Amino acid sequence: IVAPTNNLGDMNCDCAVSLDDVQPFALALIDASAYTGQHPLCSISNADINMDTTVDGSDITGFVGLLLP
């Protein structure tokens, strides 16, 4: 089972975007297979903040924006 992809930024699939998502987000950027191994029930597409179908550095600014109040 993979979490729905409409949870942008929720990289640990706890239903909240918080500082707990920073490490998994960084892992998704640098090593997709390691991210999938550590979070098998969570979709890596949650890291595709700009929704351009690619998880990369261009998603960082949007992710940081999700963390700010």
Protein backbone atom coordinates (compact mmCIF):
# COMPACT_ATOMS: atom_id res chain seq x y z
CA ILE A 1 0.00 0.00 0.00
CA VAL A 2 1.34 3.42 -0.94
CA ALA A 3 0.03 6.64 0.59
CA PRO A 4 -1.92 8.96 -1.71
CA THR A 5 0.18 11.43 -3.65
CA ASN A 6 -1.87 14.46 -2.56
CA ASN A 7 0.08 14.77 0.69
CA LEU A 8 2.75 17.10 -0.65
CA GLY A 9 5.61 17.48 1.79
CA ASP A 10 4.45 14.72 4.15
CA MET A 11 7.54 12.60 3.65
CA ASN A 12 7.06 10.30 6.65
CA CYS A 13 3.31 9.88 6.05
CA ASP A 14 2.20 10.92 9.51
CA CYS A 15 -0.49 13.17 8.00
CA ALA A 16 1.37 16.37 8.88
CA VAL A 17 4.11 18.44 7.26
CA SER A 18 6.61 19.21 10.01
CA LEU A 19 10.31 19.24 10.83
CA ASP A 20 10.04 15.44 11.07
CA ASP A 21 9.74 15.45 7.26
CA VAL A 22 13.05 17.24 6.62
CA GLN A 23 15.32 14.18 6.84
CA PRO A 24 13.07 11.97 4.70
CA PHE A 25 12.71 14.79 2.15
CA ALA A 26 16.49 15.17 1.92
CA LEU A 27 16.86 11.41 1.58
CA ALA A 28 14.29 11.36 -1.24
CA LEU A 29 16.33 14.00 -3.07
CA ILE A 30 19.67 12.23 -2.78
CA ASP A 31 18.75 8.51 -2.75
CA ALA A 32 15.27 7.53 -3.93
CA SER A 33 15.80 3.82 -3.32
CA ALA A 34 16.97 4.41 0.26
CA TYR A 35 13.93 6.64 0.85
CA THR A 36 11.61 3.92 -0.48
CA GLY A 37 13.35 1.34 1.69
CA GLN A 38 12.94 3.42 4.84
CA HIS A 39 9.39 4.60 4.05
CA PRO A 40 7.82 1.76 2.06
CA LEU A 41 4.22 2.86 2.71
CA CYS A 42 4.88 6.46 1.72
CA SER A 43 5.00 7.80 -1.84
CA ILE A 44 8.18 9.54 -2.93
CA SER A 45 5.98 11.73 -5.11
CA ASN A 46 5.09 13.62 -1.92
CA ALA A 47 8.47 15.29 -2.44
CA ASP A 48 7.48 16.60 -5.88
CA ILE A 49 6.30 19.89 -4.43
CA ASN A 50 6.24 21.78 -7.74
CA MET A 51 4.46 18.82 -9.38
CA ASP A 52 6.73 18.66 -12.42
CA THR A 53 6.94 14.83 -12.09
CA THR A 54 10.57 14.99 -10.91
CA VAL A 55 11.86 14.98 -7.34
CA ASP A 56 14.88 17.29 -7.43
CA GLY A 57 16.40 20.49 -6.10
CA SER A 58 13.66 22.59 -7.65
CA ASP A 59 11.29 21.21 -4.98
CA ILE A 60 13.32 22.54 -2.04
CA THR A 61 11.93 26.08 -1.93
CA GLY A 62 8.36 24.82 -2.03
CA PHE A 63 9.07 22.28 0.69
CA VAL A 64 10.55 24.96 2.96
CA GLY A 65 7.43 27.04 2.30
CA LEU A 66 5.25 24.20 3.54
CA LEU A 67 7.21 24.17 6.81
CA LEU A 68 6.75 27.87 7.51
CA PRO A 69 3.70 29.05 9.45
